Amino acid sequence: MSKVQIYTTNWCPYCNAAKSLLDEKGVPYDEIDVTEPSLRDAMVQRAHGRRTVPQIFVGEMHVGGYDDMAALDRRGQLDQLLA
């Protein structure tokens, strides 16, 4: 299974939705809370300028935010990516 990293804040409903989707699939993930400014700066750089949370990575692939990940799931492509 590919390593999943998700950049979040604790007050973000989309972050919670993304984590719930991963939890439903039984996918472990590393959560990085970006309320620390230096961590947010690292996220923005890694996510090619995207500043919103969540930002989700599977391996080195930038999936995007929750809407992007949910769209992959609806198309049946998320499970393949996670494998």
PDB file of N, CA and C in Angstrom:
ATOM      1  N   MET A   1       0.840  -1.177   0.000  1.00  0.00           N
ATOM      2  CA  MET A   1       0.000   0.000   0.000  1.00  0.00           C
ATOM      3  C   MET A   1       0.887   1.244   0.000  1.00  0.00           C
ATOM      4  N   SER A   2       0.523   2.220  -0.797  1.00  0.00           N
ATOM      5  CA  SER A   2       1.282   3.455  -0.889  1.00  0.00           C
ATOM      6  C   SER A   2       1.121   4.282   0.388  1.00  0.00           C
ATOM      7  N   LYS A   3       2.173   5.007   0.734  1.00  0.00           N
ATOM      8  CA  LYS A   3       2.126   5.878   1.900  1.00  0.00           C
ATOM      9  C   LYS A   3       1.243   7.083   1.585  1.00  0.00           C
ATOM     10  N   VAL A   4       0.350   7.408   2.513  1.00  0.00           N
ATOM     11  CA  VAL A   4      -0.553   8.541   2.341  1.00  0.00           C
ATOM     12  C   VAL A   4      -0.215   9.593   3.385  1.00  0.00           C
ATOM     13  N   GLN A   5      -0.084  10.838   2.927  1.00  0.00           N
ATOM     14  CA  GLN A   5       0.109  11.978   3.820  1.00  0.00           C
ATOM     15  C   GLN A   5      -0.997  12.974   3.546  1.00  0.00           C
ATOM     16  N   ILE A   6      -1.549  13.537   4.621  1.00  0.00           N
ATOM     17  CA  ILE A   6      -2.614  14.513   4.482  1.00  0.00           C
ATOM     18  C   ILE A   6      -2.300  15.710   5.371  1.00  0.00           C
ATOM     19  N   TYR A   7      -2.251  16.863   4.741  1.00  0.00           N
ATOM     20  CA  TYR A   7      -2.014  18.116   5.455  1.00  0.00           C
ATOM     21  C   TYR A   7      -3.375  18.661   5.875  1.00  0.00           C
ATOM     22  N   THR A   8      -3.529  18.987   7.165  1.00  0.00           N
ATOM     23  CA  THR A   8      -4.829  19.362   7.707  1.00  0.00           C
ATOM     24  C   THR A   8      -4.732  20.507   8.712  1.00  0.00           C
ATOM     25  N   THR A   9      -5.915  20.975   9.108  1.00  0.00           N
ATOM     26  CA  THR A   9      -6.091  21.758  10.329  1.00  0.00           C
ATOM     27  C   THR A   9      -7.220  21.082  11.097  1.00  0.00           C
ATOM     28  N   ASN A  10      -7.295  21.335  12.385  1.00  0.00           N
ATOM     29  CA  ASN A  10      -8.295  20.619  13.192  1.00  0.00           C
ATOM     30  C   ASN A  10      -9.699  21.198  13.057  1.00  0.00           C
ATOM     31  N   TRP A  11      -9.883  22.333  12.401  1.00  0.00           N
ATOM     32  CA  TRP A  11     -11.210  22.927  12.270  1.00  0.00           C
ATOM     33  C   TRP A  11     -11.769  22.814  10.853  1.00  0.00           C
ATOM     34  N   CYS A  12     -11.136  22.076  10.010  1.00  0.00           N
ATOM     35  CA  CYS A  12     -11.508  21.998   8.591  1.00  0.00           C
ATOM     36  C   CYS A  12     -12.452  20.813   8.329  1.00  0.00           C
ATOM     37  N   PRO A  13     -13.699  21.096   7.902  1.00  0.00           N
ATOM     38  CA  PRO A  13     -14.626  19.988   7.638  1.00  0.00           C
ATOM     39  C   PRO A  13     -14.198  19.112   6.458  1.00  0.00           C
ATOM     40  N   TYR A  14     -13.527  19.693   5.465  1.00  0.00           N
ATOM     41  CA  TYR A  14     -13.052  18.891   4.328  1.00  0.00           C
ATOM     42  C   TYR A  14     -11.918  17.958   4.757  1.00  0.00           C
ATOM     43  N   CYS A  15     -11.118  18.400   5.706  1.00  0.00           N
ATOM     44  CA  CYS A  15     -10.066  17.539   6.258  1.00  0.00           C
ATOM     45  C   CYS A  15     -10.692  16.336   6.941  1.00  0.00           C
ATOM     46  N   ASN A  16     -11.724  16.604   7.735  1.00  0.00           N
ATOM     47  CA  ASN A  16     -12.413  15.514   8.429  1.00  0.00           C
ATOM     48  C   ASN A  16     -13.058  14.552   7.441  1.00  0.00           C
ATOM     49  N   ALA A  17     -13.629  15.088   6.366  1.00  0.00           N
ATOM     50  CA  ALA A  17     -14.241  14.226   5.347  1.00  0.00           C
ATOM     51  C   ALA A  17     -13.182  13.363   4.663  1.00  0.00           C
ATOM     52  N   ALA A  18     -12.032  13.945   4.363  1.00  0.00           N
ATOM     53  CA  ALA A  18     -10.949  13.193   3.719  1.00  0.00           C
ATOM     54  C   ALA A  18     -10.451  12.074   4.637  1.00  0.00           C
ATOM     55  N   LYS A  19     -10.257  12.405   5.907  1.00  0.00           N
ATOM     56  CA  LYS A  19      -9.795  11.388   6.858  1.00  0.00           C
ATOM     57  C   LYS A  19     -10.842  10.292   7.031  1.00  0.00           C
ATOM     58  N   SER A  20     -12.128  10.660   7.037  1.00  0.00           N
ATOM     59  CA  SER A  20     -13.189   9.658   7.151  1.00  0.00           C
ATOM     60  C   SER A  20     -13.193   8.708   5.963  1.00  0.00           C
ATOM     61  N   LEU A  21     -13.012   9.251   4.762  1.00  0.00           N
ATOM     62  CA  LEU A  21     -12.967   8.404   3.561  1.00  0.00           C
ATOM     63  C   LEU A  21     -11.802   7.427   3.638  1.00  0.00           C
ATOM     64  N   LEU A  22     -10.644   7.916   4.042  1.00  0.00           N
ATOM     65  CA  LEU A  22      -9.485   7.028   4.180  1.00  0.00           C
ATOM     66  C   LEU A  22      -9.708   5.997   5.283  1.00  0.00           C
ATOM     67  N   ASP A  23     -10.315   6.420   6.397  1.00  0.00           N
ATOM     68  CA  ASP A  23     -10.610   5.492   7.488  1.00  0.00           C
ATOM     69  C   ASP A  23     -11.580   4.399   7.039  1.00  0.00           C
ATOM     70  N   GLU A  24     -12.616   4.786   6.270  1.00  0.00           N
ATOM     71  CA  GLU A  24     -13.591   3.806   5.755  1.00  0.00           C
ATOM     72  C   GLU A  24     -12.911   2.758   4.890  1.00  0.00           C
ATOM     73  N   LYS A  25     -11.885   3.159   4.176  1.00  0.00           N
ATOM     74  CA  LYS A  25     -11.156   2.235   3.308  1.00  0.00           C
ATOM     75  C   LYS A  25     -10.067   1.471   4.060  1.00  0.00           C
ATOM     76  N   GLY A  26      -9.876   1.800   5.344  1.00  0.00           N
ATOM     77  CA  GLY A  26      -8.846   1.129   6.131  1.00  0.00           C
ATOM     78  C   GLY A  26      -7.441   1.545   5.741  1.00  0.00           C
ATOM     79  N   VAL A  27      -7.299   2.751   5.223  1.00  0.00           N
ATOM     80  CA  VAL A  27      -6.005   3.235   4.740  1.00  0.00           C
ATOM     81  C   VAL A  27      -5.321   4.044   5.843  1.00  0.00           C
ATOM     82  N   PRO A  28      -4.153   3.612   6.278  1.00  0.00           N
ATOM     83  CA  PRO A  28      -3.420   4.426   7.257  1.00  0.00           C
ATOM     84  C   PRO A  28      -2.832   5.658   6.574  1.00  0.00           C
ATOM     85  N   TYR A  29      -2.690   6.723   7.342  1.00  0.00           N
ATOM     86  CA  TYR A  29      -2.146   7.955   6.778  1.00  0.00           C
ATOM     87  C   TYR A  29      -1.390   8.708   7.855  1.00  0.00           C
ATOM     88  N   ASP A  30      -0.462   9.514   7.399  1.00  0.00           N
ATOM     89  CA  ASP A  30       0.258  10.437   8.272  1.00  0.00           C
ATOM     90  C   ASP A  30      -0.433  11.782   8.144  1.00  0.00           C
ATOM     91  N   GLU A  31      -0.857  12.327   9.278  1.00  0.00           N
ATOM     92  CA  GLU A  31      -1.524  13.624   9.291  1.00  0.00           C
ATOM     93  C   GLU A  31      -0.528  14.695   9.727  1.00  0.00           C
ATOM     94  N   ILE A  32      -0.474  15.766   8.972  1.00  0.00           N
ATOM     95  CA  ILE A  32       0.428  16.872   9.275  1.00  0.00           C
ATOM     96  C   ILE A  32      -0.436  18.112   9.507  1.00  0.00           C
ATOM     97  N   ASP A  33      -0.474  18.577  10.753  1.00  0.00           N
ATOM     98  CA  ASP A  33      -1.269  19.748  11.123  1.00  0.00           C
ATOM     99  C   ASP A  33      -0.507  21.008  10.724  1.00  0.00           C
ATOM    100  N   VAL A  34      -1.081  21.782   9.831  1.00  0.00           N
ATOM    101  CA  VAL A  34      -0.378  22.943   9.296  1.00  0.00           C
ATOM    102  C   VAL A  34      -0.736  24.249  10.005  1.00  0.00           C
ATOM    103  N   THR A  35      -1.220  24.150  11.245  1.00  0.00           N
ATOM    104  CA  THR A  35      -1.419  25.384  12.004  1.00  0.00           C
ATOM    105  C   THR A  35      -0.077  26.007  12.356  1.00  0.00           C
ATOM    106  N   GLU A  36       0.984  25.219  12.300  1.00  0.00           N
ATOM    107  CA  GLU A  36       2.359  25.709  12.460  1.00  0.00           C
ATOM    108  C   GLU A  36       2.780  26.333  11.130  1.00  0.00           C
ATOM    109  N   PRO A  37       3.090  27.636  11.107  1.00  0.00           N
ATOM    110  CA  PRO A  37       3.392  28.321   9.839  1.00  0.00           C
ATOM    111  C   PRO A  37       4.478  27.660   8.989  1.00  0.00           C
ATOM    112  N   SER A  38       5.518  27.136   9.598  1.00  0.00           N
ATOM    113  CA  SER A  38       6.573  26.523   8.790  1.00  0.00           C
ATOM    114  C   SER A  38       6.070  25.258   8.093  1.00  0.00           C
ATOM    115  N   LEU A  39       5.159  24.524   8.734  1.00  0.00           N
ATOM    116  CA  LEU A  39       4.595  23.330   8.098  1.00  0.00           C
ATOM    117  C   LEU A  39       3.653  23.712   6.961  1.00  0.00           C
ATOM    118  N   ARG A  40       2.911  24.804   7.142  1.00  0.00           N
ATOM    119  CA  ARG A  40       2.037  25.270   6.057  1.00  0.00           C
ATOM    120  C   ARG A  40       2.881  25.709   4.862  1.00  0.00           C
ATOM    121  N   ASP A  41       3.978  26.406   5.124  1.00  0.00           N
ATOM    122  CA  ASP A  41       4.861  26.824   4.035  1.00  0.00           C
ATOM    123  C   ASP A  41       5.389  25.622   3.265  1.00  0.00           C
ATOM    124  N   ALA A  42       5.765  24.566   3.989  1.00  0.00           N
ATOM    125  CA  ALA A  42       6.252  23.345   3.340  1.00  0.00           C
ATOM    126  C   ALA A  42       5.146  22.706   2.502  1.00  0.00           C
ATOM    127  N   MET A  43       3.893  22.711   3.026  1.00  0.00           N
ATOM    128  CA  MET A  43       2.768  22.154   2.285  1.00  0.00           C
ATOM    129  C   MET A  43       2.550  22.933   0.996  1.00  0.00           C
ATOM    130  N   VAL A  44       2.549  24.262   1.077  1.00  0.00           N
ATOM    131  CA  VAL A  44       2.306  25.104  -0.100  1.00  0.00           C
ATOM    132  C   VAL A  44       3.357  24.840  -1.170  1.00  0.00           C
ATOM    133  N   GLN A  45       4.583  24.705  -0.747  1.00  0.00           N
ATOM    134  CA  GLN A  45       5.653  24.428  -1.705  1.00  0.00           C
ATOM    135  C   GLN A  45       5.456  23.055  -2.344  1.00  0.00           C
ATOM    136  N   ARG A  46       5.158  22.069  -1.526  1.00  0.00           N
ATOM    137  CA  ARG A  46       4.996  20.708  -2.037  1.00  0.00           C
ATOM    138  C   ARG A  46       3.752  20.592  -2.919  1.00  0.00           C
ATOM    139  N   ALA A  47       2.708  21.363  -2.595  1.00  0.00           N
ATOM    140  CA  ALA A  47       1.442  21.297  -3.330  1.00  0.00           C
ATOM    141  C   ALA A  47       1.395  22.309  -4.478  1.00  0.00           C
ATOM    142  N   HIS A  48       2.549  22.785  -4.907  1.00  0.00           N
ATOM    143  CA  HIS A  48       2.650  23.674  -6.068  1.00  0.00           C
ATOM    144  C   HIS A  48       1.786  24.924  -5.915  1.00  0.00           C
ATOM    145  N   GLY A  49       1.857  25.521  -4.712  1.00  0.00           N
ATOM    146  CA  GLY A  49       1.183  26.789  -4.483  1.00  0.00           C
ATOM    147  C   GLY A  49      -0.210  26.703  -3.900  1.00  0.00           C
ATOM    148  N   ARG A  50      -0.757  25.523  -3.813  1.00  0.00           N
ATOM    149  CA  ARG A  50      -2.100  25.394  -3.231  1.00  0.00           C
ATOM    150  C   ARG A  50      -2.016  25.625  -1.728  1.00  0.00           C
ATOM    151  N   ARG A  51      -2.867  26.509  -1.213  1.00  0.00           N
ATOM    152  CA  ARG A  51      -2.808  26.924   0.187  1.00  0.00           C
ATOM    153  C   ARG A  51      -3.929  26.330   1.038  1.00  0.00           C
ATOM    154  N   THR A  52      -4.929  25.742   0.405  1.00  0.00           N
ATOM    155  CA  THR A  52      -6.072  25.233   1.144  1.00  0.00           C
ATOM    156  C   THR A  52      -5.784  23.840   1.699  1.00  0.00           C
ATOM    157  N   VAL A  53      -6.521  23.482   2.732  1.00  0.00           N
ATOM    158  CA  VAL A  53      -6.421  22.139   3.291  1.00  0.00           C
ATOM    159  C   VAL A  53      -7.750  21.438   3.077  1.00  0.00           C
ATOM    160  N   PRO A  54      -7.720  20.131   2.964  1.00  0.00           N
ATOM    161  CA  PRO A  54      -6.538  19.288   3.028  1.00  0.00           C
ATOM    162  C   PRO A  54      -5.785  19.283   1.696  1.00  0.00           C
ATOM    163  N   GLN A  55      -4.530  18.919   1.793  1.00  0.00           N
ATOM    164  CA  GLN A  55      -3.734  18.576   0.617  1.00  0.00           C
ATOM    165  C   GLN A  55      -3.287  17.138   0.848  1.00  0.00           C
ATOM    166  N   ILE A  56      -3.555  16.290  -0.117  1.00  0.00           N
ATOM    167  CA  ILE A  56      -3.380  14.851   0.046  1.00  0.00           C
ATOM    168  C   ILE A  56      -2.340  14.350  -0.948  1.00  0.00           C
ATOM    169  N   PHE A  57      -1.442  13.520  -0.438  1.00  0.00           N
ATOM    170  CA  PHE A  57      -0.396  12.910  -1.254  1.00  0.00           C
ATOM    171  C   PHE A  57      -0.452  11.405  -1.073  1.00  0.00           C
ATOM    172  N   VAL A  58      -0.364  10.690  -2.173  1.00  0.00           N
ATOM    173  CA  VAL A  58      -0.244   9.233  -2.149  1.00  0.00           C
ATOM    174  C   VAL A  58       1.110   8.935  -2.757  1.00  0.00           C
ATOM    175  N   GLY A  59       2.009   8.440  -1.912  1.00  0.00           N
ATOM    176  CA  GLY A  59       3.396   8.340  -2.337  1.00  0.00           C
ATOM    177  C   GLY A  59       3.885   9.748  -2.613  1.00  0.00           C
ATOM    178  N   GLU A  60       4.469   9.974  -3.755  1.00  0.00           N
ATOM    179  CA  GLU A  60       4.906  11.320  -4.135  1.00  0.00           C
ATOM    180  C   GLU A  60       3.885  12.038  -5.009  1.00  0.00           C
ATOM    181  N   MET A  61       2.776  11.359  -5.328  1.00  0.00           N
ATOM    182  CA  MET A  61       1.751  11.954  -6.188  1.00  0.00           C
ATOM    183  C   MET A  61       0.857  12.888  -5.392  1.00  0.00           C
ATOM    184  N   HIS A  62       0.694  14.098  -5.880  1.00  0.00           N
ATOM    185  CA  HIS A  62      -0.213  15.067  -5.263  1.00  0.00           C
ATOM    186  C   HIS A  62      -1.612  14.808  -5.795  1.00  0.00           C
ATOM    187  N   VAL A  63      -2.492  14.309  -4.931  1.00  0.00           N
ATOM    188  CA  VAL A  63      -3.869  14.032  -5.313  1.00  0.00           C
ATOM    189  C   VAL A  63      -4.668  15.326  -5.377  1.00  0.00           C
ATOM    190  N   GLY A  64      -4.387  16.240  -4.452  1.00  0.00           N
ATOM    191  CA  GLY A  64      -5.134  17.489  -4.358  1.00  0.00           C
ATOM    192  C   GLY A  64      -5.884  17.538  -3.046  1.00  0.00           C
ATOM    193  N   GLY A  65      -7.079  18.107  -3.070  1.00  0.00           N
ATOM    194  CA  GLY A  65      -7.893  18.217  -1.871  1.00  0.00           C
ATOM    195  C   GLY A  65      -8.921  17.110  -1.765  1.00  0.00           C
ATOM    196  N   TYR A  66      -9.846  17.288  -0.818  1.00  0.00           N
ATOM    197  CA  TYR A  66     -10.880  16.270  -0.610  1.00  0.00           C
ATOM    198  C   TYR A  66     -11.712  16.057  -1.866  1.00  0.00           C
ATOM    199  N   ASP A  67     -12.146  17.131  -2.516  1.00  0.00           N
ATOM    200  CA  ASP A  67     -12.983  16.979  -3.716  1.00  0.00           C
ATOM    201  C   ASP A  67     -12.266  16.173  -4.792  1.00  0.00           C
ATOM    202  N   ASP A  68     -10.969  16.394  -4.929  1.00  0.00           N
ATOM    203  CA  ASP A  68     -10.183  15.641  -5.915  1.00  0.00           C
ATOM    204  C   ASP A  68     -10.130  14.157  -5.555  1.00  0.00           C
ATOM    205  N   MET A  69      -9.900  13.875  -4.264  1.00  0.00           N
ATOM    206  CA  MET A  69      -9.823  12.487  -3.831  1.00  0.00           C
ATOM    207  C   MET A  69     -11.188  11.804  -3.954  1.00  0.00           C
ATOM    208  N   ALA A  70     -12.256  12.501  -3.591  1.00  0.00           N
ATOM    209  CA  ALA A  70     -13.601  11.925  -3.698  1.00  0.00           C
ATOM    210  C   ALA A  70     -13.958  11.643  -5.151  1.00  0.00           C
ATOM    211  N   ALA A  71     -13.537  12.511  -6.068  1.00  0.00           N
ATOM    212  CA  ALA A  71     -13.794  12.287  -7.495  1.00  0.00           C
ATOM    213  C   ALA A  71     -13.063  11.037  -7.982  1.00  0.00           C
ATOM    214  N   LEU A  72     -11.829  10.852  -7.542  1.00  0.00           N
ATOM    215  CA  LEU A  72     -11.094   9.629  -7.891  1.00  0.00           C
ATOM    216  C   LEU A  72     -11.835   8.405  -7.374  1.00  0.00           C
ATOM    217  N   ASP A  73     -12.371   8.499  -6.161  1.00  0.00           N
ATOM    218  CA  ASP A  73     -13.095   7.379  -5.575  1.00  0.00           C
ATOM    219  C   ASP A  73     -14.362   7.074  -6.371  1.00  0.00           C
ATOM    220  N   ARG A  74     -15.109   8.104  -6.743  1.00  0.00           N
ATOM    221  CA  ARG A  74     -16.333   7.897  -7.530  1.00  0.00           C
ATOM    222  C   ARG A  74     -16.040   7.246  -8.875  1.00  0.00           C
ATOM    223  N   ARG A  75     -14.882   7.555  -9.462  1.00  0.00           N
ATOM    224  CA  ARG A  75     -14.493   6.956 -10.751  1.00  0.00           C
ATOM    225  C   ARG A  75     -13.857   5.583 -10.594  1.00  0.00           C
ATOM    226  N   GLY A  76     -13.702   5.123  -9.351  1.00  0.00           N
ATOM    227  CA  GLY A  76     -13.113   3.817  -9.108  1.00  0.00           C
ATOM    228  C   GLY A  76     -11.608   3.803  -9.242  1.00  0.00           C
ATOM    229  N   GLN A  77     -10.964   4.975  -9.199  1.00  0.00           N
ATOM    230  CA  GLN A  77      -9.529   5.053  -9.401  1.00  0.00           C
ATOM    231  C   GLN A  77      -8.731   5.195  -8.101  1.00  0.00           C
ATOM    232  N   LEU A  78      -9.410   5.539  -7.009  1.00  0.00           N
ATOM    233  CA  LEU A  78      -8.684   5.758  -5.754  1.00  0.00           C
ATOM    234  C   LEU A  78      -8.086   4.464  -5.228  1.00  0.00           C
ATOM    235  N   ASP A  79      -8.847   3.381  -5.247  1.00  0.00           N
ATOM    236  CA  ASP A  79      -8.338   2.111  -4.729  1.00  0.00           C
ATOM    237  C   ASP A  79      -7.091   1.662  -5.495  1.00  0.00           C
ATOM    238  N   GLN A  80      -7.090   1.867  -6.801  1.00  0.00           N
ATOM    239  CA  GLN A  80      -5.919   1.505  -7.603  1.00  0.00           C
ATOM    240  C   GLN A  80      -4.712   2.332  -7.194  1.00  0.00           C
ATOM    241  N   LEU A  81      -4.939   3.611  -6.956  1.00  0.00           N
ATOM    242  CA  LEU A  81      -3.853   4.505  -6.567  1.00  0.00           C
ATOM    243  C   LEU A  81      -3.292   4.131  -5.210  1.00  0.00           C
ATOM    244  N   LEU A  82      -4.162   3.718  -4.306  1.00  0.00           N
ATOM    245  CA  LEU A  82      -3.745   3.378  -2.948  1.00  0.00           C
ATOM    246  C   LEU A  82      -3.031   2.031  -2.872  1.00  0.00           C
ATOM    247  N   ALA A  83      -3.282   1.161  -3.852  1.00  0.00           N
ATOM    248  CA  ALA A  83      -2.718  -0.203  -3.810  1.00  0.00           C
ATOM    249  C   ALA A  83      -1.212  -0.204  -3.921  1.00  0.00           C
TER     250      ALA A  83
END
